[in-house]
Amino acid sequence: MARLSSHFLNGIDGTHAGDVGVSLWRIGKDHGRELVFKSQSEADGRFAEEVAGDADAQYEMVVDSGAYFRKRAQQLDGRRICDEIVIRFRMPDPARRYHFPIIMSPNSYSCWWSS
């Protein structure tokens, strides 16, 4: 099984972003979406889930960054307009680790893939 993980960091104050909702969707050839799992990050901003990866499928990891910033005083007086971070990717090796660290702010994010 593949292992999907992330580490969410708050780009405003540099802290770990705990209790951030995340879901994974499998995108079919007909572009239909199937929920694989819903999870959330731990207090240290990390989450990890095992996935029965399909080498031919596309996936979307959806991070509920808007809900995270709505719970905090850092929401910039209503000027936050981004609600989700969506990363579309493939998992060509179903036995590999796919790790996507994300630095997120109310209206921007930066992510990368590391194994």
PDB file of N, CA and C in Angstrom:
ATOM      1  N   MET A   1       0.831  -1.190   0.000  1.00  0.00           N
ATOM      2  CA  MET A   1       0.000   0.000   0.000  1.00  0.00           C
ATOM      3  C   MET A   1       0.872   1.248   0.000  1.00  0.00           C
ATOM      4  N   ALA A   2       0.387   2.274  -0.664  1.00  0.00           N
ATOM      5  CA  ALA A   2       1.081   3.557  -0.666  1.00  0.00           C
ATOM      6  C   ALA A   2       0.815   4.260   0.667  1.00  0.00           C
ATOM      7  N   ARG A   3       1.688   5.159   1.023  1.00  0.00           N
ATOM      8  CA  ARG A   3       1.524   5.958   2.242  1.00  0.00           C
ATOM      9  C   ARG A   3       1.489   7.417   1.829  1.00  0.00           C
ATOM     10  N   LEU A   4       0.375   8.081   2.108  1.00  0.00           N
ATOM     11  CA  LEU A   4       0.219   9.509   1.825  1.00  0.00           C
ATOM     12  C   LEU A   4       0.357  10.260   3.132  1.00  0.00           C
ATOM     13  N   SER A   5       1.198  11.290   3.136  1.00  0.00           N
ATOM     14  CA  SER A   5       1.402  12.068   4.355  1.00  0.00           C
ATOM     15  C   SER A   5       1.635  13.526   4.021  1.00  0.00           C
ATOM     16  N   SER A   6       1.506  14.355   5.053  1.00  0.00           N
ATOM     17  CA  SER A   6       1.771  15.777   4.902  1.00  0.00           C
ATOM     18  C   SER A   6       2.166  16.349   6.246  1.00  0.00           C
ATOM     19  N   HIS A   7       2.719  17.534   6.206  1.00  0.00           N
ATOM     20  CA  HIS A   7       3.019  18.333   7.388  1.00  0.00           C
ATOM     21  C   HIS A   7       2.542  19.731   7.068  1.00  0.00           C
ATOM     22  N   PHE A   8       1.525  20.209   7.787  1.00  0.00           N
ATOM     23  CA  PHE A   8       0.953  21.528   7.553  1.00  0.00           C
ATOM     24  C   PHE A   8       1.602  22.533   8.505  1.00  0.00           C
ATOM     25  N   LEU A   9       2.058  23.633   7.938  1.00  0.00           N
ATOM     26  CA  LEU A   9       2.669  24.700   8.726  1.00  0.00           C
ATOM     27  C   LEU A   9       1.914  26.005   8.490  1.00  0.00           C
ATOM     28  N   ASN A  10       1.692  26.751   9.562  1.00  0.00           N
ATOM     29  CA  ASN A  10       1.040  28.050   9.491  1.00  0.00           C
ATOM     30  C   ASN A  10       2.071  29.061   9.001  1.00  0.00           C
ATOM     31  N   GLY A  11       1.845  29.617   7.801  1.00  0.00           N
ATOM     32  CA  GLY A  11       2.785  30.547   7.192  1.00  0.00           C
ATOM     33  C   GLY A  11       2.779  31.933   7.802  1.00  0.00           C
ATOM     34  N   ILE A  12       1.826  32.227   8.678  1.00  0.00           N
ATOM     35  CA  ILE A  12       1.789  33.540   9.325  1.00  0.00           C
ATOM     36  C   ILE A  12       2.713  33.575  10.532  1.00  0.00           C
ATOM     37  N   ASP A  13       2.611  32.547  11.386  1.00  0.00           N
ATOM     38  CA  ASP A  13       3.420  32.577  12.605  1.00  0.00           C
ATOM     39  C   ASP A  13       4.423  31.438  12.712  1.00  0.00           C
ATOM     40  N   GLY A  14       4.490  30.570  11.693  1.00  0.00           N
ATOM     41  CA  GLY A  14       5.491  29.513  11.661  1.00  0.00           C
ATOM     42  C   GLY A  14       5.200  28.318  12.555  1.00  0.00           C
ATOM     43  N   THR A  15       3.993  28.241  13.108  1.00  0.00           N
ATOM     44  CA  THR A  15       3.649  27.119  13.983  1.00  0.00           C
ATOM     45  C   THR A  15       3.127  25.936  13.178  1.00  0.00           C
ATOM     46  N   HIS A  16       3.048  24.787  13.829  1.00  0.00           N
ATOM     47  CA  HIS A  16       2.435  23.608  13.231  1.00  0.00           C
ATOM     48  C   HIS A  16       0.932  23.849  13.150  1.00  0.00           C
ATOM     49  N   ALA A  17       0.320  23.447  12.041  1.00  0.00           N
ATOM     50  CA  ALA A  17      -1.116  23.639  11.857  1.00  0.00           C
ATOM     51  C   ALA A  17      -1.834  22.337  12.205  1.00  0.00           C
ATOM     52  N   GLY A  18      -2.276  22.239  13.437  1.00  0.00           N
ATOM     53  CA  GLY A  18      -2.976  21.053  13.908  1.00  0.00           C
ATOM     54  C   GLY A  18      -4.471  21.154  13.666  1.00  0.00           C
ATOM     55  N   ASP A  19      -5.124  20.009  13.644  1.00  0.00           N
ATOM     56  CA  ASP A  19      -6.572  19.901  13.481  1.00  0.00           C
ATOM     57  C   ASP A  19      -7.043  20.485  12.136  1.00  0.00           C
ATOM     58  N   VAL A  20      -6.278  20.235  11.091  1.00  0.00           N
ATOM     59  CA  VAL A  20      -6.645  20.662   9.740  1.00  0.00           C
ATOM     60  C   VAL A  20      -7.276  19.468   9.024  1.00  0.00           C
ATOM     61  N   GLY A  21      -8.475  19.653   8.497  1.00  0.00           N
ATOM     62  CA  GLY A  21      -9.151  18.588   7.776  1.00  0.00           C
ATOM     63  C   GLY A  21      -8.508  18.328   6.429  1.00  0.00           C
ATOM     64  N   VAL A  22      -8.457  17.059   6.050  1.00  0.00           N
ATOM     65  CA  VAL A  22      -7.891  16.665   4.755  1.00  0.00           C
ATOM     66  C   VAL A  22      -8.686  15.475   4.230  1.00  0.00           C
ATOM     67  N   SER A  23      -8.939  15.482   2.944  1.00  0.00           N
ATOM     68  CA  SER A  23      -9.611  14.347   2.316  1.00  0.00           C
ATOM     69  C   SER A  23      -8.854  13.977   1.043  1.00  0.00           C
ATOM     70  N   LEU A  24      -8.982  12.709   0.682  1.00  0.00           N
ATOM     71  CA  LEU A  24      -8.364  12.223  -0.545  1.00  0.00           C
ATOM     72  C   LEU A  24      -9.459  11.671  -1.438  1.00  0.00           C
ATOM     73  N   TRP A  25      -9.427  12.076  -2.699  1.00  0.00           N
ATOM     74  CA  TRP A  25     -10.408  11.651  -3.699  1.00  0.00           C
ATOM     75  C   TRP A  25      -9.691  10.960  -4.850  1.00  0.00           C
ATOM     76  N   ARG A  26     -10.244   9.862  -5.327  1.00  0.00           N
ATOM     77  CA  ARG A  26      -9.751   9.184  -6.530  1.00  0.00           C
ATOM     78  C   ARG A  26     -10.546   9.748  -7.699  1.00  0.00           C
ATOM     79  N   ILE A  27      -9.853  10.194  -8.744  1.00  0.00           N
ATOM     80  CA  ILE A  27     -10.487  10.769  -9.925  1.00  0.00           C
ATOM     81  C   ILE A  27     -10.527   9.691 -11.003  1.00  0.00           C
ATOM     82  N   GLY A  28     -11.711   9.317 -11.430  1.00  0.00           N
ATOM     83  CA  GLY A  28     -11.862   8.274 -12.435  1.00  0.00           C
ATOM     84  C   GLY A  28     -11.609   8.776 -13.843  1.00  0.00           C
ATOM     85  N   LYS A  29     -11.548   7.848 -14.777  1.00  0.00           N
ATOM     86  CA  LYS A  29     -11.332   8.217 -16.183  1.00  0.00           C
ATOM     87  C   LYS A  29     -12.470   9.071 -16.720  1.00  0.00           C
ATOM     88  N   ASP A  30     -13.667   8.919 -16.116  1.00  0.00           N
ATOM     89  CA  ASP A  30     -14.817   9.735 -16.510  1.00  0.00           C
ATOM     90  C   ASP A  30     -14.859  11.053 -15.727  1.00  0.00           C
ATOM     91  N   HIS A  31     -13.798  11.332 -14.958  1.00  0.00           N
ATOM     92  CA  HIS A  31     -13.640  12.522 -14.112  1.00  0.00           C
ATOM     93  C   HIS A  31     -14.557  12.517 -12.894  1.00  0.00           C
ATOM     94  N   GLY A  32     -15.211  11.390 -12.628  1.00  0.00           N
ATOM     95  CA  GLY A  32     -15.987  11.257 -11.404  1.00  0.00           C
ATOM     96  C   GLY A  32     -15.049  11.143 -10.208  1.00  0.00           C
ATOM     97  N   ARG A  33     -15.532  11.563  -9.049  1.00  0.00           N
ATOM     98  CA  ARG A  33     -14.706  11.563  -7.846  1.00  0.00           C
ATOM     99  C   ARG A  33     -15.247  10.543  -6.845  1.00  0.00           C
ATOM    100  N   GLU A  34     -14.327   9.770  -6.241  1.00  0.00           N
ATOM    101  CA  GLU A  34     -14.679   8.786  -5.220  1.00  0.00           C
ATOM    102  C   GLU A  34     -13.855   9.089  -3.972  1.00  0.00           C
ATOM    103  N   LEU A  35     -14.540   9.269  -2.837  1.00  0.00           N
ATOM    104  CA  LEU A  35     -13.837   9.552  -1.585  1.00  0.00           C
ATOM    105  C   LEU A  35     -13.048   8.329  -1.137  1.00  0.00           C
ATOM    106  N   VAL A  36     -11.753   8.523  -0.887  1.00  0.00           N
ATOM    107  CA  VAL A  36     -10.883   7.458  -0.400  1.00  0.00           C
ATOM    108  C   VAL A  36     -10.817   7.505   1.125  1.00  0.00           C
ATOM    109  N   PHE A  37     -10.610   8.707   1.693  1.00  0.00           N
ATOM    110  CA  PHE A  37     -10.640   8.870   3.150  1.00  0.00           C
ATOM    111  C   PHE A  37     -10.802  10.330   3.514  1.00  0.00           C
ATOM    112  N   LYS A  38     -11.211  10.554   4.762  1.00  0.00           N
ATOM    113  CA  LYS A  38     -11.195  11.867   5.402  1.00  0.00           C
ATOM    114  C   LYS A  38     -10.366  11.710   6.660  1.00  0.00           C
ATOM    115  N   SER A  39      -9.556  12.719   6.964  1.00  0.00           N
ATOM    116  CA  SER A  39      -8.679  12.659   8.114  1.00  0.00           C
ATOM    117  C   SER A  39      -8.441  14.078   8.611  1.00  0.00           C
ATOM    118  N   GLN A  40      -7.538  14.221   9.552  1.00  0.00           N
ATOM    119  CA  GLN A  40      -7.122  15.549   9.998  1.00  0.00           C
ATOM    120  C   GLN A  40      -5.719  15.455  10.566  1.00  0.00           C
ATOM    121  N   SER A  41      -5.060  16.590  10.589  1.00  0.00           N
ATOM    122  CA  SER A  41      -3.696  16.605  11.113  1.00  0.00           C
ATOM    123  C   SER A  41      -3.721  16.552  12.637  1.00  0.00           C
ATOM    124  N   GLU A  42      -2.658  15.984  13.189  1.00  0.00           N
ATOM    125  CA  GLU A  42      -2.475  15.934  14.643  1.00  0.00           C
ATOM    126  C   GLU A  42      -2.029  17.318  15.125  1.00  0.00           C
ATOM    127  N   ALA A  43      -1.826  17.468  16.400  1.00  0.00           N
ATOM    128  CA  ALA A  43      -1.407  18.746  16.979  1.00  0.00           C
ATOM    129  C   ALA A  43      -0.083  19.233  16.395  1.00  0.00           C
ATOM    130  N   ASP A  44       0.775  18.291  15.964  1.00  0.00           N
ATOM    131  CA  ASP A  44       2.068  18.674  15.386  1.00  0.00           C
ATOM    132  C   ASP A  44       1.980  18.993  13.895  1.00  0.00           C
ATOM    133  N   GLY A  45       0.743  19.083  13.347  1.00  0.00           N
ATOM    134  CA  GLY A  45       0.547  19.448  11.948  1.00  0.00           C
ATOM    135  C   GLY A  45       0.734  18.316  10.965  1.00  0.00           C
ATOM    136  N   ARG A  46       0.891  17.092  11.438  1.00  0.00           N
ATOM    137  CA  ARG A  46       1.163  15.967  10.540  1.00  0.00           C
ATOM    138  C   ARG A  46      -0.034  15.029  10.434  1.00  0.00           C
ATOM    139  N   PHE A  47      -0.158  14.419   9.262  1.00  0.00           N
ATOM    140  CA  PHE A  47      -1.105  13.324   9.096  1.00  0.00           C
ATOM    141  C   PHE A  47      -0.476  12.309   8.153  1.00  0.00           C
ATOM    142  N   ALA A  48      -0.914  11.060   8.266  1.00  0.00           N
ATOM    143  CA  ALA A  48      -0.453   9.991   7.380  1.00  0.00           C
ATOM    144  C   ALA A  48      -1.549   8.943   7.290  1.00  0.00           C
ATOM    145  N   GLU A  49      -1.769   8.445   6.082  1.00  0.00           N
ATOM    146  CA  GLU A  49      -2.768   7.398   5.846  1.00  0.00           C
ATOM    147  C   GLU A  49      -2.216   6.409   4.831  1.00  0.00           C
ATOM    148  N   GLU A  50      -2.568   5.153   5.000  1.00  0.00           N
ATOM    149  CA  GLU A  50      -2.249   4.114   4.025  1.00  0.00           C
ATOM    150  C   GLU A  50      -3.331   4.140   2.942  1.00  0.00           C
ATOM    151  N   VAL A  51      -2.910   3.985   1.679  1.00  0.00           N
ATOM    152  CA  VAL A  51      -3.831   4.049   0.548  1.00  0.00           C
ATOM    153  C   VAL A  51      -3.556   2.874  -0.380  1.00  0.00           C
ATOM    154  N   ALA A  52      -4.604   2.178  -0.761  1.00  0.00           N
ATOM    155  CA  ALA A  52      -4.466   1.138  -1.789  1.00  0.00           C
ATOM    156  C   ALA A  52      -4.372   1.868  -3.122  1.00  0.00           C
ATOM    157  N   GLY A  53      -3.173   2.275  -3.487  1.00  0.00           N
ATOM    158  CA  GLY A  53      -2.950   3.116  -4.662  1.00  0.00           C
ATOM    159  C   GLY A  53      -3.231   2.399  -5.974  1.00  0.00           C
ATOM    160  N   ASP A  54      -3.716   3.157  -6.914  1.00  0.00           N
ATOM    161  CA  ASP A  54      -3.977   2.685  -8.274  1.00  0.00           C
ATOM    162  C   ASP A  54      -3.036   3.463  -9.182  1.00  0.00           C
ATOM    163  N   ALA A  55      -2.077   2.783  -9.796  1.00  0.00           N
ATOM    164  CA  ALA A  55      -1.055   3.451 -10.608  1.00  0.00           C
ATOM    165  C   ALA A  55      -1.638   4.224 -11.778  1.00  0.00           C
ATOM    166  N   ASP A  56      -2.831   3.876 -12.228  1.00  0.00           N
ATOM    167  CA  ASP A  56      -3.438   4.550 -13.381  1.00  0.00           C
ATOM    168  C   ASP A  56      -4.380   5.689 -12.995  1.00  0.00           C
ATOM    169  N   ALA A  57      -4.637   5.863 -11.709  1.00  0.00           N
ATOM    170  CA  ALA A  57      -5.614   6.868 -11.270  1.00  0.00           C
ATOM    171  C   ALA A  57      -4.948   8.197 -10.941  1.00  0.00           C
ATOM    172  N   GLN A  58      -5.756   9.246 -10.989  1.00  0.00           N
ATOM    173  CA  GLN A  58      -5.356  10.542 -10.458  1.00  0.00           C
ATOM    174  C   GLN A  58      -6.022  10.691  -9.106  1.00  0.00           C
ATOM    175  N   TYR A  59      -5.402  11.470  -8.249  1.00  0.00           N
ATOM    176  CA  TYR A  59      -5.934  11.718  -6.909  1.00  0.00           C
ATOM    177  C   TYR A  59      -5.959  13.216  -6.652  1.00  0.00           C
ATOM    178  N   GLU A  60      -6.869  13.629  -5.793  1.00  0.00           N
ATOM    179  CA  GLU A  60      -6.903  15.001  -5.288  1.00  0.00           C
ATOM    180  C   GLU A  60      -6.857  14.954  -3.772  1.00  0.00           C
ATOM    181  N   MET A  61      -5.859  15.622  -3.220  1.00  0.00           N
ATOM    182  CA  MET A  61      -5.807  15.835  -1.783  1.00  0.00           C
ATOM    183  C   MET A  61      -6.379  17.225  -1.538  1.00  0.00           C
ATOM    184  N   VAL A  62      -7.438  17.295  -0.736  1.00  0.00           N
ATOM    185  CA  VAL A  62      -8.113  18.561  -0.454  1.00  0.00           C
ATOM    186  C   VAL A  62      -7.879  18.906   1.011  1.00  0.00           C
ATOM    187  N   VAL A  63      -7.267  20.056   1.253  1.00  0.00           N
ATOM    188  CA  VAL A  63      -6.923  20.516   2.596  1.00  0.00           C
ATOM    189  C   VAL A  63      -7.862  21.662   2.959  1.00  0.00           C
ATOM    190  N   ASP A  64      -8.537  21.545   4.076  1.00  0.00           N
ATOM    191  CA  ASP A  64      -9.526  22.540   4.501  1.00  0.00           C
ATOM    192  C   ASP A  64      -8.841  23.687   5.250  1.00  0.00           C
ATOM    193  N   SER A  65      -8.042  24.444   4.517  1.00  0.00           N
ATOM    194  CA  SER A  65      -7.289  25.547   5.110  1.00  0.00           C
ATOM    195  C   SER A  65      -8.202  26.680   5.577  1.00  0.00           C
ATOM    196  N   GLY A  66      -9.313  26.894   4.894  1.00  0.00           N
ATOM    197  CA  GLY A  66     -10.236  27.966   5.285  1.00  0.00           C
ATOM    198  C   GLY A  66     -10.794  27.758   6.673  1.00  0.00           C
ATOM    199  N   ALA A  67     -11.219  26.533   6.979  1.00  0.00           N
ATOM    200  CA  ALA A  67     -11.757  26.244   8.317  1.00  0.00           C
ATOM    201  C   ALA A  67     -10.684  26.455   9.386  1.00  0.00           C
ATOM    202  N   TYR A  68      -9.452  26.067   9.073  1.00  0.00           N
ATOM    203  CA  TYR A  68      -8.348  26.259  10.027  1.00  0.00           C
ATOM    204  C   TYR A  68      -8.178  27.740  10.355  1.00  0.00           C
ATOM    205  N   PHE A  69      -8.127  28.595   9.341  1.00  0.00           N
ATOM    206  CA  PHE A  69      -7.904  30.020   9.597  1.00  0.00           C
ATOM    207  C   PHE A  69      -9.145  30.711  10.161  1.00  0.00           C
ATOM    208  N   ARG A  70     -10.343  30.212   9.872  1.00  0.00           N
ATOM    209  CA  ARG A  70     -11.550  30.791  10.483  1.00  0.00           C
ATOM    210  C   ARG A  70     -11.542  30.604  12.000  1.00  0.00           C
ATOM    211  N   LYS A  71     -10.927  29.529  12.492  1.00  0.00           N
ATOM    212  CA  LYS A  71     -10.856  29.261  13.928  1.00  0.00           C
ATOM    213  C   LYS A  71      -9.793  30.097  14.630  1.00  0.00           C
ATOM    214  N   ARG A  72      -9.002  30.819  13.880  1.00  0.00           N
ATOM    215  CA  ARG A  72      -7.888  31.558  14.460  1.00  0.00           C
ATOM    216  C   ARG A  72      -8.108  33.061  14.293  1.00  0.00           C
ATOM    217  N   ALA A  73      -7.437  33.841  15.103  1.00  0.00           N
ATOM    218  CA  ALA A  73      -7.540  35.302  15.018  1.00  0.00           C
ATOM    219  C   ALA A  73      -6.816  35.837  13.785  1.00  0.00           C
ATOM    220  N   GLN A  74      -6.157  34.964  13.034  1.00  0.00           N
ATOM    221  CA  GLN A  74      -5.335  35.381  11.902  1.00  0.00           C
ATOM    222  C   GLN A  74      -6.111  35.457  10.594  1.00  0.00           C
ATOM    223  N   GLN A  75      -7.411  35.609  10.633  1.00  0.00           N
ATOM    224  CA  GLN A  75      -8.157  35.550   9.381  1.00  0.00           C
ATOM    225  C   GLN A  75      -8.188  36.872   8.618  1.00  0.00           C
ATOM    226  N   LEU A  76      -7.431  37.842   9.028  1.00  0.00           N
ATOM    227  CA  LEU A  76      -7.235  39.090   8.290  1.00  0.00           C
ATOM    228  C   LEU A  76      -8.521  39.881   8.077  1.00  0.00           C
ATOM    229  N   ASP A  77      -9.341  39.990   9.116  1.00  0.00           N
ATOM    230  CA  ASP A  77     -10.548  40.821   9.085  1.00  0.00           C
ATOM    231  C   ASP A  77     -11.425  40.564   7.869  1.00  0.00           C
ATOM    232  N   GLY A  78     -11.685  39.309   7.545  1.00  0.00           N
ATOM    233  CA  GLY A  78     -12.582  38.966   6.452  1.00  0.00           C
ATOM    234  C   GLY A  78     -11.964  39.022   5.077  1.00  0.00           C
ATOM    235  N   ARG A  79     -10.674  39.258   4.971  1.00  0.00           N
ATOM    236  CA  ARG A  79     -10.053  39.339   3.649  1.00  0.00           C
ATOM    237  C   ARG A  79      -9.521  38.000   3.167  1.00  0.00           C
ATOM    238  N   ARG A  80      -9.862  36.921   3.865  1.00  0.00           N
ATOM    239  CA  ARG A  80      -9.461  35.595   3.441  1.00  0.00           C
ATOM    240  C   ARG A  80     -10.462  35.121   2.398  1.00  0.00           C
ATOM    241  N   ILE A  81      -9.997  34.745   1.209  1.00  0.00           N
ATOM    242  CA  ILE A  81     -10.915  34.302   0.159  1.00  0.00           C
ATOM    243  C   ILE A  81     -10.672  32.856  -0.272  1.00  0.00           C
ATOM    244  N   CYS A  82      -9.555  32.269   0.126  1.00  0.00           N
ATOM    245  CA  CYS A  82      -9.251  30.885  -0.258  1.00  0.00           C
ATOM    246  C   CYS A  82      -9.756  29.940   0.828  1.00  0.00           C
ATOM    247  N   ASP A  83     -10.553  28.941   0.430  1.00  0.00           N
ATOM    248  CA  ASP A  83     -11.130  28.007   1.392  1.00  0.00           C
ATOM    249  C   ASP A  83     -10.460  26.652   1.412  1.00  0.00           C
ATOM    250  N   GLU A  84      -9.872  26.235   0.303  1.00  0.00           N
ATOM    251  CA  GLU A  84      -9.279  24.904   0.225  1.00  0.00           C
ATOM    252  C   GLU A  84      -7.990  24.942  -0.587  1.00  0.00           C
ATOM    253  N   ILE A  85      -7.121  24.006  -0.269  1.00  0.00           N
ATOM    254  CA  ILE A  85      -5.929  23.751  -1.064  1.00  0.00           C
ATOM    255  C   ILE A  85      -6.175  22.411  -1.747  1.00  0.00           C
ATOM    256  N   VAL A  86      -6.079  22.387  -3.059  1.00  0.00           N
ATOM    257  CA  VAL A  86      -6.324  21.167  -3.821  1.00  0.00           C
ATOM    258  C   VAL A  86      -5.054  20.809  -4.587  1.00  0.00           C
ATOM    259  N   ILE A  87      -4.562  19.596  -4.328  1.00  0.00           N
ATOM    260  CA  ILE A  87      -3.358  19.114  -4.998  1.00  0.00           C
ATOM    261  C   ILE A  87      -3.746  17.867  -5.776  1.00  0.00           C
ATOM    262  N   ARG A  88      -3.592  17.901  -7.089  1.00  0.00           N
ATOM    263  CA  ARG A  88      -3.912  16.742  -7.940  1.00  0.00           C
ATOM    264  C   ARG A  88      -2.601  16.071  -8.327  1.00  0.00           C
ATOM    265  N   PHE A  89      -2.555  14.757  -8.167  1.00  0.00           N
ATOM    266  CA  PHE A  89      -1.317  14.018  -8.400  1.00  0.00           C
ATOM    267  C   PHE A  89      -1.629  12.566  -8.733  1.00  0.00           C
ATOM    268  N   ARG A  90      -0.599  11.838  -9.085  1.00  0.00           N
ATOM    269  CA  ARG A  90      -0.675  10.394  -9.348  1.00  0.00           C
ATOM    270  C   ARG A  90       0.221   9.676  -8.344  1.00  0.00           C
ATOM    271  N   MET A  91      -0.042   8.398  -8.128  1.00  0.00           N
ATOM    272  CA  MET A  91       0.816   7.549  -7.303  1.00  0.00           C
ATOM    273  C   MET A  91       1.231   6.347  -8.152  1.00  0.00           C
ATOM    274  N   PRO A  92       2.222   6.528  -9.038  1.00  0.00           N
ATOM    275  CA  PRO A  92       2.583   5.462  -9.976  1.00  0.00           C
ATOM    276  C   PRO A  92       3.146   4.203  -9.319  1.00  0.00           C
ATOM    277  N   ASP A  93       3.715   4.333  -8.137  1.00  0.00           N
ATOM    278  CA  ASP A  93       4.240   3.163  -7.429  1.00  0.00           C
ATOM    279  C   ASP A  93       3.363   2.938  -6.196  1.00  0.00           C
ATOM    280  N   PRO A  94       2.494   1.936  -6.214  1.00  0.00           N
ATOM    281  CA  PRO A  94       1.558   1.734  -5.109  1.00  0.00           C
ATOM    282  C   PRO A  94       2.209   1.312  -3.793  1.00  0.00           C
ATOM    283  N   ALA A  95       3.512   1.132  -3.766  1.00  0.00           N
ATOM    284  CA  ALA A  95       4.206   0.768  -2.527  1.00  0.00           C
ATOM    285  C   ALA A  95       5.074   1.909  -1.996  1.00  0.00           C
ATOM    286  N   ARG A  96       4.986   3.076  -2.597  1.00  0.00           N
ATOM    287  CA  ARG A  96       5.872   4.188  -2.243  1.00  0.00           C
ATOM    288  C   ARG A  96       5.216   5.133  -1.240  1.00  0.00           C
ATOM    289  N   ARG A  97       6.033   5.979  -0.646  1.00  0.00           N
ATOM    290  CA  ARG A  97       5.560   7.039   0.243  1.00  0.00           C
ATOM    291  C   ARG A  97       5.433   8.323  -0.574  1.00  0.00           C
ATOM    292  N   TYR A  98       4.319   9.013  -0.410  1.00  0.00           N
ATOM    293  CA  TYR A  98       4.074  10.294  -1.077  1.00  0.00           C
ATOM    294  C   TYR A  98       3.821  11.324   0.013  1.00  0.00           C
ATOM    295  N   HIS A  99       4.779  12.225   0.195  1.00  0.00           N
ATOM    296  CA  HIS A  99       4.727  13.212   1.278  1.00  0.00           C
ATOM    297  C   HIS A  99       4.674  14.605   0.662  1.00  0.00           C
ATOM    298  N   PHE A 100       3.645  15.381   1.049  1.00  0.00           N
ATOM    299  CA  PHE A 100       3.455  16.737   0.528  1.00  0.00           C
ATOM    300  C   PHE A 100       3.442  17.734   1.687  1.00  0.00           C
ATOM    301  N   PRO A 101       4.583  18.310   2.069  1.00  0.00           N
ATOM    302  CA  PRO A 101       4.578  19.375   3.075  1.00  0.00           C
ATOM    303  C   PRO A 101       3.889  20.622   2.495  1.00  0.00           C
ATOM    304  N   ILE A 102       3.134  21.320   3.336  1.00  0.00           N
ATOM    305  CA  ILE A 102       2.409  22.501   2.881  1.00  0.00           C
ATOM    306  C   ILE A 102       2.579  23.627   3.901  1.00  0.00           C
ATOM    307  N   ILE A 103       3.063  24.767   3.436  1.00  0.00           N
ATOM    308  CA  ILE A 103       3.080  25.993   4.224  1.00  0.00           C
ATOM    309  C   ILE A 103       1.867  26.783   3.757  1.00  0.00           C
ATOM    310  N   MET A 104       0.927  27.068   4.674  1.00  0.00           N
ATOM    311  CA  MET A 104      -0.313  27.711   4.254  1.00  0.00           C
ATOM    312  C   MET A 104      -0.567  29.003   5.011  1.00  0.00           C
ATOM    313  N   SER A 105      -1.166  29.931   4.292  1.00  0.00           N
ATOM    314  CA  SER A 105      -1.589  31.217   4.816  1.00  0.00           C
ATOM    315  C   SER A 105      -3.040  31.416   4.384  1.00  0.00           C
ATOM    316  N   PRO A 106      -3.726  32.437   4.880  1.00  0.00           N
ATOM    317  CA  PRO A 106      -5.139  32.606   4.525  1.00  0.00           C
ATOM    318  C   PRO A 106      -5.399  32.717   3.020  1.00  0.00           C
ATOM    319  N   ASN A 107      -4.466  33.252   2.248  1.00  0.00           N
ATOM    320  CA  ASN A 107      -4.704  33.437   0.818  1.00  0.00           C
ATOM    321  C   ASN A 107      -3.585  32.907  -0.066  1.00  0.00           C
ATOM    322  N   SER A 108      -2.759  32.015   0.469  1.00  0.00           N
ATOM    323  CA  SER A 108      -1.693  31.442  -0.359  1.00  0.00           C
ATOM    324  C   SER A 108      -1.190  30.164   0.290  1.00  0.00           C
ATOM    325  N   TYR A 109      -0.419  29.415  -0.489  1.00  0.00           N
ATOM    326  CA  TYR A 109       0.214  28.227   0.049  1.00  0.00           C
ATOM    327  C   TYR A 109       1.409  27.866  -0.831  1.00  0.00           C
ATOM    328  N   SER A 110       2.283  27.053  -0.257  1.00  0.00           N
ATOM    329  CA  SER A 110       3.400  26.504  -0.994  1.00  0.00           C
ATOM    330  C   SER A 110       3.483  25.030  -0.619  1.00  0.00           C
ATOM    331  N   CYS A 111       3.646  24.176  -1.627  1.00  0.00           N
ATOM    332  CA  CYS A 111       3.768  22.748  -1.340  1.00  0.00           C
ATOM    333  C   CYS A 111       4.793  22.144  -2.284  1.00  0.00           C
ATOM    334  N   TRP A 112       5.269  20.992  -1.912  1.00  0.00           N
ATOM    335  CA  TRP A 112       6.211  20.260  -2.741  1.00  0.00           C
ATOM    336  C   TRP A 112       6.063  18.786  -2.408  1.00  0.00           C
ATOM    337  N   TRP A 113       6.592  17.943  -3.257  1.00  0.00           N
ATOM    338  CA  TRP A 113       6.556  16.516  -3.039  1.00  0.00           C
ATOM    339  C   TRP A 113       7.920  16.043  -2.600  1.00  0.00           C
ATOM    340  N   SER A 114       7.929  15.220  -1.568  1.00  0.00           N
ATOM    341  CA  SER A 114       9.173  14.564  -1.171  1.00  0.00           C
ATOM    342  C   SER A 114       8.833  13.118  -0.840  1.00  0.00           C
ATOM    343  N   SER A 115       9.787  12.254  -1.034  1.00  0.00           N
ATOM    344  CA  SER A 115       9.510  10.835  -0.772  1.00  0.00           C
ATOM    345  C   SER A 115      10.116  10.420   0.552  1.00  0.00           C
TER     346      SER A 115
END
